[in-house]
């Protein structure tokens, strides 16, 4: 099992629908052959409202993600694999400043 955290910032009014975010990340992992089925990826949500310096009333979203596979991935490999998903979520849904960290 691979565990990692994905966090991003969202401006007020952006699309913060968790299943949309999870499905975009899941599809990207599938496209990069990191997972073979959608049931190998899990996302747990912890969203809190913050008043961030750069964004008034911005929301910081934090997700615990788990990939059900035996071999490990580095943060760099995860960043490369998930970059298309982050770009899509940024352009279409107003989410930005994606960061990945290991647990």
PDB file of N, CA and C in Angstrom:
ATOM      1  N   UNK A   1       0.855  -1.182   0.000  1.00  0.00           N
ATOM      2  CA  UNK A   1       0.000   0.000   0.000  1.00  0.00           C
ATOM      3  C   UNK A   1       0.894   1.237   0.000  1.00  0.00           C
ATOM      4  N   UNK A   2       0.639   2.137  -0.911  1.00  0.00           N
ATOM      5  CA  UNK A   2       1.350   3.407  -0.985  1.00  0.00           C
ATOM      6  C   UNK A   2       0.434   4.484  -0.422  1.00  0.00           C
ATOM      7  N   UNK A   3       0.920   5.246   0.548  1.00  0.00           N
ATOM      8  CA  UNK A   3       0.151   6.347   1.124  1.00  0.00           C
ATOM      9  C   UNK A   3       0.862   7.659   0.831  1.00  0.00           C
ATOM     10  N   UNK A   4       0.087   8.667   0.420  1.00  0.00           N
ATOM     11  CA  UNK A   4       0.639   9.995   0.193  1.00  0.00           C
ATOM     12  C   UNK A   4      -0.474  11.019   0.362  1.00  0.00           C
ATOM     13  N   UNK A   5      -0.079  12.262   0.543  1.00  0.00           N
ATOM     14  CA  UNK A   5      -1.030  13.353   0.696  1.00  0.00           C
ATOM     15  C   UNK A   5      -0.968  14.264  -0.513  1.00  0.00           C
ATOM     16  N   UNK A   6      -2.127  14.705  -0.971  1.00  0.00           N
ATOM     17  CA  UNK A   6      -2.228  15.702  -2.025  1.00  0.00           C
ATOM     18  C   UNK A   6      -2.941  16.899  -1.412  1.00  0.00           C
ATOM     19  N   UNK A   7      -2.354  18.074  -1.568  1.00  0.00           N
ATOM     20  CA  UNK A   7      -3.023  19.281  -1.097  1.00  0.00           C
ATOM     21  C   UNK A   7      -3.038  20.307  -2.218  1.00  0.00           C
ATOM     22  N   UNK A   8      -4.028  21.183  -2.166  1.00  0.00           N
ATOM     23  CA  UNK A   8      -4.146  22.244  -3.167  1.00  0.00           C
ATOM     24  C   UNK A   8      -4.945  23.387  -2.568  1.00  0.00           C
ATOM     25  N   UNK A   9      -4.904  24.511  -3.250  1.00  0.00           N
ATOM     26  CA  UNK A   9      -5.684  25.681  -2.839  1.00  0.00           C
ATOM     27  C   UNK A   9      -6.802  25.890  -3.852  1.00  0.00           C
ATOM     28  N   UNK A  10      -7.889  26.414  -3.349  1.00  0.00           N
ATOM     29  CA  UNK A  10      -9.040  26.662  -4.196  1.00  0.00           C
ATOM     30  C   UNK A  10      -9.610  28.027  -3.885  1.00  0.00           C
ATOM     31  N   UNK A  11      -9.858  28.794  -4.916  1.00  0.00           N
ATOM     32  CA  UNK A  11     -10.524  30.075  -4.714  1.00  0.00           C
ATOM     33  C   UNK A  11     -11.997  29.830  -4.430  1.00  0.00           C
ATOM     34  N   UNK A  12     -12.617  30.769  -3.780  1.00  0.00           N
ATOM     35  CA  UNK A  12     -14.048  30.676  -3.476  1.00  0.00           C
ATOM     36  C   UNK A  12     -14.822  30.522  -4.780  1.00  0.00           C
ATOM     37  N   UNK A  13     -15.743  29.596  -4.801  1.00  0.00           N
ATOM     38  CA  UNK A  13     -16.565  29.374  -5.978  1.00  0.00           C
ATOM     39  C   UNK A  13     -16.007  28.343  -6.942  1.00  0.00           C
ATOM     40  N   UNK A  14     -14.783  27.878  -6.697  1.00  0.00           N
ATOM     41  CA  UNK A  14     -14.206  26.850  -7.575  1.00  0.00           C
ATOM     42  C   UNK A  14     -14.900  25.519  -7.318  1.00  0.00           C
ATOM     43  N   UNK A  15     -14.772  24.608  -8.258  1.00  0.00           N
ATOM     44  CA  UNK A  15     -15.399  23.296  -8.128  1.00  0.00           C
ATOM     45  C   UNK A  15     -14.562  22.435  -7.187  1.00  0.00           C
ATOM     46  N   UNK A  16     -15.075  22.197  -5.985  1.00  0.00           N
ATOM     47  CA  UNK A  16     -14.360  21.433  -4.968  1.00  0.00           C
ATOM     48  C   UNK A  16     -15.058  20.103  -4.720  1.00  0.00           C
ATOM     49  N   UNK A  17     -15.714  19.582  -5.708  1.00  0.00           N
ATOM     50  CA  UNK A  17     -16.475  18.346  -5.575  1.00  0.00           C
ATOM     51  C   UNK A  17     -15.498  17.171  -5.439  1.00  0.00           C
ATOM     52  N   UNK A  18     -15.374  16.580  -4.249  1.00  0.00           N
ATOM     53  CA  UNK A  18     -14.364  15.525  -4.019  1.00  0.00           C
ATOM     54  C   UNK A  18     -14.408  14.348  -4.988  1.00  0.00           C
ATOM     55  N   UNK A  19     -15.573  13.822  -5.362  1.00  0.00           N
ATOM     56  CA  UNK A  19     -15.549  12.712  -6.326  1.00  0.00           C
ATOM     57  C   UNK A  19     -14.955  13.108  -7.677  1.00  0.00           C
ATOM     58  N   UNK A  20     -15.168  14.333  -8.116  1.00  0.00           N
ATOM     59  CA  UNK A  20     -14.580  14.815  -9.364  1.00  0.00           C
ATOM     60  C   UNK A  20     -13.059  14.820  -9.259  1.00  0.00           C
ATOM     61  N   UNK A  21     -12.536  15.317  -8.147  1.00  0.00           N
ATOM     62  CA  UNK A  21     -11.094  15.368  -7.934  1.00  0.00           C
ATOM     63  C   UNK A  21     -10.528  13.952  -7.877  1.00  0.00           C
ATOM     64  N   UNK A  22     -11.173  13.081  -7.115  1.00  0.00           N
ATOM     65  CA  UNK A  22     -10.714  11.692  -6.993  1.00  0.00           C
ATOM     66  C   UNK A  22     -10.741  10.985  -8.336  1.00  0.00           C
ATOM     67  N   UNK A  23     -11.796  11.175  -9.102  1.00  0.00           N
ATOM     68  CA  UNK A  23     -11.904  10.503 -10.401  1.00  0.00           C
ATOM     69  C   UNK A  23     -10.864  11.008 -11.394  1.00  0.00           C
ATOM     70  N   UNK A  24     -10.538  12.294 -11.352  1.00  0.00           N
ATOM     71  CA  UNK A  24      -9.510  12.845 -12.232  1.00  0.00           C
ATOM     72  C   UNK A  24      -8.151  12.253 -11.884  1.00  0.00           C
ATOM     73  N   UNK A  25      -7.830  12.172 -10.599  1.00  0.00           N
ATOM     74  CA  UNK A  25      -6.568  11.566 -10.163  1.00  0.00           C
ATOM     75  C   UNK A  25      -6.557  10.076 -10.491  1.00  0.00           C
ATOM     76  N   UNK A  26      -7.662   9.402 -10.234  1.00  0.00           N
ATOM     77  CA  UNK A  26      -7.764   7.961 -10.516  1.00  0.00           C
ATOM     78  C   UNK A  26      -7.525   7.675 -11.998  1.00  0.00           C
ATOM     79  N   UNK A  27      -8.142   8.459 -12.878  1.00  0.00           N
ATOM     80  CA  UNK A  27      -7.980   8.270 -14.324  1.00  0.00           C
ATOM     81  C   UNK A  27      -6.524   8.474 -14.733  1.00  0.00           C
ATOM     82  N   UNK A  28      -5.879   9.457 -14.149  1.00  0.00           N
ATOM     83  CA  UNK A  28      -4.485   9.723 -14.465  1.00  0.00           C
ATOM     84  C   UNK A  28      -3.592   8.556 -14.021  1.00  0.00           C
ATOM     85  N   UNK A  29      -3.841   8.015 -12.833  1.00  0.00           N
ATOM     86  CA  UNK A  29      -3.077   6.858 -12.360  1.00  0.00           C
ATOM     87  C   UNK A  29      -3.302   5.654 -13.272  1.00  0.00           C
ATOM     88  N   UNK A  30      -4.519   5.490 -13.730  1.00  0.00           N
ATOM     89  CA  UNK A  30      -4.844   4.402 -14.653  1.00  0.00           C
ATOM     90  C   UNK A  30      -4.133   4.603 -16.000  1.00  0.00           C
ATOM     91  N   UNK A  31      -4.150   5.830 -16.519  1.00  0.00           N
ATOM     92  CA  UNK A  31      -3.502   6.139 -17.795  1.00  0.00           C
ATOM     93  C   UNK A  31      -1.999   5.864 -17.742  1.00  0.00           C
ATOM     94  N   UNK A  32      -1.385   6.097 -16.584  1.00  0.00           N
ATOM     95  CA  UNK A  32       0.052   5.860 -16.411  1.00  0.00           C
ATOM     96  C   UNK A  32       0.356   4.436 -15.947  1.00  0.00           C
ATOM     97  N   UNK A  33      -0.646   3.582 -15.949  1.00  0.00           N
ATOM     98  CA  UNK A  33      -0.531   2.171 -15.584  1.00  0.00           C
ATOM     99  C   UNK A  33       0.039   1.965 -14.178  1.00  0.00           C
ATOM    100  N   UNK A  34      -0.276   2.894 -13.289  1.00  0.00           N
ATOM    101  CA  UNK A  34       0.105   2.747 -11.884  1.00  0.00           C
ATOM    102  C   UNK A  34      -0.932   1.882 -11.181  1.00  0.00           C
ATOM    103  N   UNK A  35      -2.180   2.006 -11.617  1.00  0.00           N
ATOM    104  CA  UNK A  35      -3.242   1.132 -11.122  1.00  0.00           C
ATOM    105  C   UNK A  35      -3.871   0.427 -12.318  1.00  0.00           C
ATOM    106  N   UNK A  36      -4.435  -0.749 -12.041  1.00  0.00           N
ATOM    107  CA  UNK A  36      -5.079  -1.519 -13.111  1.00  0.00           C
ATOM    108  C   UNK A  36      -6.596  -1.424 -13.040  1.00  0.00           C
ATOM    109  N   UNK A  37      -7.114  -0.954 -11.903  1.00  0.00           N
ATOM    110  CA  UNK A  37      -8.559  -0.766 -11.758  1.00  0.00           C
ATOM    111  C   UNK A  37      -8.803   0.392 -10.799  1.00  0.00           C
ATOM    112  N   UNK A  38      -9.972   0.988 -10.915  1.00  0.00           N
ATOM    113  CA  UNK A  38     -10.320   2.117 -10.054  1.00  0.00           C
ATOM    114  C   UNK A  38     -10.397   1.763  -8.589  1.00  0.00           C
ATOM    115  N   UNK A  39     -10.551   0.504  -8.275  1.00  0.00           N
ATOM    116  CA  UNK A  39     -10.649   0.070  -6.879  1.00  0.00           C
ATOM    117  C   UNK A  39      -9.294  -0.031  -6.193  1.00  0.00           C
ATOM    118  N   UNK A  40      -8.238   0.283  -6.902  1.00  0.00           N
ATOM    119  CA  UNK A  40      -6.901   0.270  -6.308  1.00  0.00           C
ATOM    120  C   UNK A  40      -6.486   1.635  -5.783  1.00  0.00           C
ATOM    121  N   UNK A  41      -7.341   2.641  -5.948  1.00  0.00           N
ATOM    122  CA  UNK A  41      -7.032   3.994  -5.483  1.00  0.00           C
ATOM    123  C   UNK A  41      -8.135   4.466  -4.545  1.00  0.00           C
ATOM    124  N   UNK A  42      -7.715   4.997  -3.398  1.00  0.00           N
ATOM    125  CA  UNK A  42      -8.653   5.520  -2.401  1.00  0.00           C
ATOM    126  C   UNK A  42      -8.225   6.934  -2.044  1.00  0.00           C
ATOM    127  N   UNK A  43      -9.204   7.809  -1.839  1.00  0.00           N
ATOM    128  CA  UNK A  43      -8.916   9.179  -1.426  1.00  0.00           C
ATOM    129  C   UNK A  43      -9.793   9.519  -0.233  1.00  0.00           C
ATOM    130  N   UNK A  44      -9.154  10.014   0.825  1.00  0.00           N
ATOM    131  CA  UNK A  44      -9.853  10.420   2.037  1.00  0.00           C
ATOM    132  C   UNK A  44      -9.704  11.923   2.167  1.00  0.00           C
ATOM    133  N   UNK A  45     -10.757  12.598   2.579  1.00  0.00           N
ATOM    134  CA  UNK A  45     -10.810  14.053   2.502  1.00  0.00           C
ATOM    135  C   UNK A  45     -10.789  14.698   3.873  1.00  0.00           C
ATOM    136  N   UNK A  46      -9.993  15.762   3.983  1.00  0.00           N
ATOM    137  CA  UNK A  46      -9.987  16.625   5.152  1.00  0.00           C
ATOM    138  C   UNK A  46      -9.913  18.049   4.627  1.00  0.00           C
ATOM    139  N   UNK A  47     -11.048  18.702   4.499  1.00  0.00           N
ATOM    140  CA  UNK A  47     -11.079  20.060   3.949  1.00  0.00           C
ATOM    141  C   UNK A  47     -11.382  21.051   5.067  1.00  0.00           C
ATOM    142  N   UNK A  48     -10.564  22.071   5.152  1.00  0.00           N
ATOM    143  CA  UNK A  48     -10.770  23.101   6.162  1.00  0.00           C
ATOM    144  C   UNK A  48     -10.694  24.463   5.487  1.00  0.00           C
ATOM    145  N   UNK A  49     -11.481  25.395   5.971  1.00  0.00           N
ATOM    146  CA  UNK A  49     -11.465  26.756   5.429  1.00  0.00           C
ATOM    147  C   UNK A  49     -10.348  27.547   6.111  1.00  0.00           C
ATOM    148  N   UNK A  50      -9.551  28.224   5.311  1.00  0.00           N
ATOM    149  CA  UNK A  50      -8.442  29.026   5.818  1.00  0.00           C
ATOM    150  C   UNK A  50      -8.498  30.399   5.163  1.00  0.00           C
ATOM    151  N   UNK A  51      -8.065  31.414   5.885  1.00  0.00           N
ATOM    152  CA  UNK A  51      -7.850  32.718   5.282  1.00  0.00           C
ATOM    153  C   UNK A  51      -6.372  32.794   4.944  1.00  0.00           C
ATOM    154  N   UNK A  52      -6.037  32.526   3.705  1.00  0.00           N
ATOM    155  CA  UNK A  52      -4.653  32.510   3.270  1.00  0.00           C
ATOM    156  C   UNK A  52      -4.230  33.908   2.842  1.00  0.00           C
ATOM    157  N   UNK A  53      -2.954  34.217   3.022  1.00  0.00           N
ATOM    158  CA  UNK A  53      -2.456  35.549   2.682  1.00  0.00           C
ATOM    159  C   UNK A  53      -2.726  35.927   1.236  1.00  0.00           C
ATOM    160  N   UNK A  54      -2.418  35.032   0.324  1.00  0.00           N
ATOM    161  CA  UNK A  54      -2.530  35.350  -1.099  1.00  0.00           C
ATOM    162  C   UNK A  54      -3.965  35.316  -1.616  1.00  0.00           C
ATOM    163  N   UNK A  55      -4.824  34.573  -0.942  1.00  0.00           N
ATOM    164  CA  UNK A  55      -6.186  34.385  -1.436  1.00  0.00           C
ATOM    165  C   UNK A  55      -7.177  34.627  -0.301  1.00  0.00           C
ATOM    166  N   UNK A  56      -7.951  35.676  -0.423  1.00  0.00           N
ATOM    167  CA  UNK A  56      -8.986  35.897   0.589  1.00  0.00           C
ATOM    168  C   UNK A  56     -10.030  34.814   0.465  1.00  0.00           C
ATOM    169  N   UNK A  57     -10.402  34.248   1.597  1.00  0.00           N
ATOM    170  CA  UNK A  57     -11.416  33.195   1.668  1.00  0.00           C
ATOM    171  C   UNK A  57     -11.083  31.997   0.777  1.00  0.00           C
ATOM    172  N   UNK A  58      -9.795  31.719   0.608  1.00  0.00           N
ATOM    173  CA  UNK A  58      -9.404  30.532  -0.144  1.00  0.00           C
ATOM    174  C   UNK A  58      -9.617  29.307   0.733  1.00  0.00           C
ATOM    175  N   UNK A  59      -9.672  28.179   0.111  1.00  0.00           N
ATOM    176  CA  UNK A  59      -9.851  26.931   0.843  1.00  0.00           C
ATOM    177  C   UNK A  59      -8.646  26.050   0.562  1.00  0.00           C
ATOM    178  N   UNK A  60      -8.067  25.515   1.621  1.00  0.00           N
ATOM    179  CA  UNK A  60      -6.982  24.560   1.480  1.00  0.00           C
ATOM    180  C   UNK A  60      -7.593  23.173   1.586  1.00  0.00           C
ATOM    181  N   UNK A  61      -7.434  22.384   0.534  1.00  0.00           N
ATOM    182  CA  UNK A  61      -7.955  21.022   0.519  1.00  0.00           C
ATOM    183  C   UNK A  61      -6.802  20.060   0.730  1.00  0.00           C
ATOM    184  N   UNK A  62      -7.029  19.072   1.566  1.00  0.00           N
ATOM    185  CA  UNK A  62      -5.998  18.079   1.845  1.00  0.00           C
ATOM    186  C   UNK A  62      -6.608  16.698   1.728  1.00  0.00           C
ATOM    187  N   UNK A  63      -5.944  15.829   0.975  1.00  0.00           N
ATOM    188  CA  UNK A  63      -6.457  14.480   0.739  1.00  0.00           C
ATOM    189  C   UNK A  63      -5.401  13.456   1.110  1.00  0.00           C
ATOM    190  N   UNK A  64      -5.793  12.468   1.881  1.00  0.00           N
ATOM    191  CA  UNK A  64      -4.953  11.302   2.094  1.00  0.00           C
ATOM    192  C   UNK A  64      -5.304  10.328   0.978  1.00  0.00           C
ATOM    193  N   UNK A  65      -4.303   9.900   0.227  1.00  0.00           N
ATOM    194  CA  UNK A  65      -4.521   8.985  -0.885  1.00  0.00           C
ATOM    195  C   UNK A  65      -3.794   7.672  -0.627  1.00  0.00           C
ATOM    196  N   UNK A  66      -4.407   6.592  -1.056  1.00  0.00           N
ATOM    197  CA  UNK A  66      -3.800   5.277  -0.918  1.00  0.00           C
ATOM    198  C   UNK A  66      -3.920   4.542  -2.242  1.00  0.00           C
ATOM    199  N   UNK A  67      -2.812   3.934  -2.642  1.00  0.00           N
ATOM    200  CA  UNK A  67      -2.789   3.102  -3.835  1.00  0.00           C
ATOM    201  C   UNK A  67      -2.493   1.692  -3.378  1.00  0.00           C
ATOM    202  N   UNK A  68      -3.343   0.773  -3.757  1.00  0.00           N
ATOM    203  CA  UNK A  68      -3.212  -0.616  -3.338  1.00  0.00           C
ATOM    204  C   UNK A  68      -2.300  -1.363  -4.309  1.00  0.00           C
ATOM    205  N   UNK A  69      -1.006  -1.280  -4.062  1.00  0.00           N
ATOM    206  CA  UNK A  69      -0.011  -2.011  -4.844  1.00  0.00           C
ATOM    207  C   UNK A  69       1.214  -2.233  -3.978  1.00  0.00           C
ATOM    208  N   UNK A  70       2.024  -3.180  -4.345  1.00  0.00           N
ATOM    209  CA  UNK A  70       3.142  -3.564  -3.487  1.00  0.00           C
ATOM    210  C   UNK A  70       4.393  -2.729  -3.702  1.00  0.00           C
ATOM    211  N   UNK A  71       4.690  -2.302  -4.920  1.00  0.00           N
ATOM    212  CA  UNK A  71       5.903  -1.519  -5.149  1.00  0.00           C
ATOM    213  C   UNK A  71       5.667  -0.048  -4.813  1.00  0.00           C
ATOM    214  N   UNK A  72       6.696   0.578  -4.304  1.00  0.00           N
ATOM    215  CA  UNK A  72       6.600   1.963  -3.860  1.00  0.00           C
ATOM    216  C   UNK A  72       6.887   2.920  -5.009  1.00  0.00           C
ATOM    217  N   UNK A  73       6.406   4.142  -4.893  1.00  0.00           N
ATOM    218  CA  UNK A  73       6.692   5.215  -5.845  1.00  0.00           C
ATOM    219  C   UNK A  73       7.316   6.371  -5.083  1.00  0.00           C
ATOM    220  N   UNK A  74       8.236   7.080  -5.723  1.00  0.00           N
ATOM    221  CA  UNK A  74       8.817   8.266  -5.094  1.00  0.00           C
ATOM    222  C   UNK A  74       7.871   9.452  -5.298  1.00  0.00           C
ATOM    223  N   UNK A  75       8.126  10.509  -4.570  1.00  0.00           N
ATOM    224  CA  UNK A  75       7.321  11.728  -4.733  1.00  0.00           C
ATOM    225  C   UNK A  75       7.498  12.271  -6.151  1.00  0.00           C
ATOM    226  N   UNK A  76       8.712  12.219  -6.677  1.00  0.00           N
ATOM    227  CA  UNK A  76       8.954  12.688  -8.050  1.00  0.00           C
ATOM    228  C   UNK A  76       8.156  11.881  -9.066  1.00  0.00           C
ATOM    229  N   UNK A  77       8.114  10.561  -8.899  1.00  0.00           N
ATOM    230  CA  UNK A  77       7.334   9.716  -9.813  1.00  0.00           C
ATOM    231  C   UNK A  77       5.845  10.029  -9.709  1.00  0.00           C
ATOM    232  N   UNK A  78       5.361  10.264  -8.494  1.00  0.00           N
ATOM    233  CA  UNK A  78       3.952  10.637  -8.317  1.00  0.00           C
ATOM    234  C   UNK A  78       3.656  11.982  -8.961  1.00  0.00           C
ATOM    235  N   UNK A  79       4.553  12.953  -8.786  1.00  0.00           N
ATOM    236  CA  UNK A  79       4.361  14.271  -9.398  1.00  0.00           C
ATOM    237  C   UNK A  79       4.276  14.177 -10.910  1.00  0.00           C
ATOM    238  N   UNK A  80       5.164  13.404 -11.524  1.00  0.00           N
ATOM    239  CA  UNK A  80       5.154  13.243 -12.981  1.00  0.00           C
ATOM    240  C   UNK A  80       3.864  12.561 -13.425  1.00  0.00           C
ATOM    241  N   UNK A  81       3.486  11.505 -12.723  1.00  0.00           N
ATOM    242  CA  UNK A  81       2.285  10.758 -13.105  1.00  0.00           C
ATOM    243  C   UNK A  81       1.018  11.586 -12.943  1.00  0.00           C
ATOM    244  N   UNK A  82       0.961  12.415 -11.916  1.00  0.00           N
ATOM    245  CA  UNK A  82      -0.266  13.161 -11.625  1.00  0.00           C
ATOM    246  C   UNK A  82      -0.299  14.563 -12.226  1.00  0.00           C
ATOM    247  N   UNK A  83       0.765  14.977 -12.875  1.00  0.00           N
ATOM    248  CA  UNK A  83       0.802  16.320 -13.465  1.00  0.00           C
ATOM    249  C   UNK A  83      -0.361  16.582 -14.423  1.00  0.00           C
ATOM    250  N   UNK A  84      -0.713  15.649 -15.325  1.00  0.00           N
ATOM    251  CA  UNK A  84      -1.865  15.909 -16.199  1.00  0.00           C
ATOM    252  C   UNK A  84      -3.172  16.101 -15.415  1.00  0.00           C
ATOM    253  N   UNK A  85      -3.354  15.350 -14.351  1.00  0.00           N
ATOM    254  CA  UNK A  85      -4.564  15.506 -13.532  1.00  0.00           C
ATOM    255  C   UNK A  85      -4.578  16.874 -12.859  1.00  0.00           C
ATOM    256  N   UNK A  86      -3.437  17.285 -12.323  1.00  0.00           N
ATOM    257  CA  UNK A  86      -3.350  18.592 -11.665  1.00  0.00           C
ATOM    258  C   UNK A  86      -3.594  19.722 -12.659  1.00  0.00           C
ATOM    259  N   UNK A  87      -3.060  19.590 -13.866  1.00  0.00           N
ATOM    260  CA  UNK A  87      -3.287  20.607 -14.903  1.00  0.00           C
ATOM    261  C   UNK A  87      -4.769  20.702 -15.263  1.00  0.00           C
ATOM    262  N   UNK A  88      -5.409  19.564 -15.424  1.00  0.00           N
ATOM    263  CA  UNK A  88      -6.834  19.547 -15.766  1.00  0.00           C
ATOM    264  C   UNK A  88      -7.663  20.172 -14.646  1.00  0.00           C
ATOM    265  N   UNK A  89      -7.384  19.791 -13.399  1.00  0.00           N
ATOM    266  CA  UNK A  89      -8.127  20.345 -12.267  1.00  0.00           C
ATOM    267  C   UNK A  89      -7.871  21.840 -12.110  1.00  0.00           C
ATOM    268  N   UNK A  90      -6.690  22.279 -12.454  1.00  0.00           N
ATOM    269  CA  UNK A  90      -6.362  23.701 -12.371  1.00  0.00           C
ATOM    270  C   UNK A  90      -7.110  24.499 -13.435  1.00  0.00           C
ATOM    271  N   UNK A  91      -7.056  24.020 -14.676  1.00  0.00           N
ATOM    272  CA  UNK A  91      -7.686  24.741 -15.780  1.00  0.00           C
ATOM    273  C   UNK A  91      -9.206  24.722 -15.711  1.00  0.00           C
ATOM    274  N   UNK A  92      -9.789  23.575 -15.416  1.00  0.00           N
ATOM    275  CA  UNK A  92     -11.240  23.430 -15.488  1.00  0.00           C
ATOM    276  C   UNK A  92     -11.956  23.729 -14.180  1.00  0.00           C
ATOM    277  N   UNK A  93     -11.289  23.520 -13.055  1.00  0.00           N
ATOM    278  CA  UNK A  93     -12.007  23.579 -11.783  1.00  0.00           C
ATOM    279  C   UNK A  93     -11.484  24.612 -10.792  1.00  0.00           C
ATOM    280  N   UNK A  94     -10.475  25.394 -11.163  1.00  0.00           N
ATOM    281  CA  UNK A  94     -10.009  26.477 -10.304  1.00  0.00           C
ATOM    282  C   UNK A  94      -9.167  26.037  -9.118  1.00  0.00           C
ATOM    283  N   UNK A  95      -8.611  24.846  -9.161  1.00  0.00           N
ATOM    284  CA  UNK A  95      -7.732  24.380  -8.090  1.00  0.00           C
ATOM    285  C   UNK A  95      -6.290  24.642  -8.510  1.00  0.00           C
ATOM    286  N   UNK A  96      -5.445  24.992  -7.551  1.00  0.00           N
ATOM    287  CA  UNK A  96      -4.070  25.334  -7.898  1.00  0.00           C
ATOM    288  C   UNK A  96      -3.116  25.002  -6.769  1.00  0.00           C
ATOM    289  N   UNK A  97      -1.835  25.163  -7.051  1.00  0.00           N
ATOM    290  CA  UNK A  97      -0.757  24.916  -6.074  1.00  0.00           C
ATOM    291  C   UNK A  97      -0.813  23.518  -5.489  1.00  0.00           C
ATOM    292  N   UNK A  98      -0.871  22.521  -6.357  1.00  0.00           N
ATOM    293  CA  UNK A  98      -0.893  21.144  -5.910  1.00  0.00           C
ATOM    294  C   UNK A  98       0.450  20.742  -5.333  1.00  0.00           C
ATOM    295  N   UNK A  99       0.425  20.009  -4.225  1.00  0.00           N
ATOM    296  CA  UNK A  99       1.632  19.502  -3.581  1.00  0.00           C
ATOM    297  C   UNK A  99       1.376  18.051  -3.159  1.00  0.00           C
ATOM    298  N   UNK A 100       2.404  17.243  -3.326  1.00  0.00           N
ATOM    299  CA  UNK A 100       2.339  15.849  -2.890  1.00  0.00           C
ATOM    300  C   UNK A 100       3.383  15.658  -1.804  1.00  0.00           C
ATOM    301  N   UNK A 101       3.005  14.976  -0.749  1.00  0.00           N
ATOM    302  CA  UNK A 101       3.951  14.625   0.308  1.00  0.00           C
ATOM    303  C   UNK A 101       3.667  13.199   0.764  1.00  0.00           C
ATOM    304  N   UNK A 102       4.709  12.518   1.184  1.00  0.00           N
ATOM    305  CA  UNK A 102       4.562  11.158   1.680  1.00  0.00           C
ATOM    306  C   UNK A 102       4.145  11.205   3.144  1.00  0.00           C
ATOM    307  N   UNK A 103       3.435  10.166   3.565  1.00  0.00           N
ATOM    308  CA  UNK A 103       3.013  10.116   4.966  1.00  0.00           C
ATOM    309  C   UNK A 103       4.150   9.668   5.846  1.00  0.00           C
TER     310      UNK A 103
END
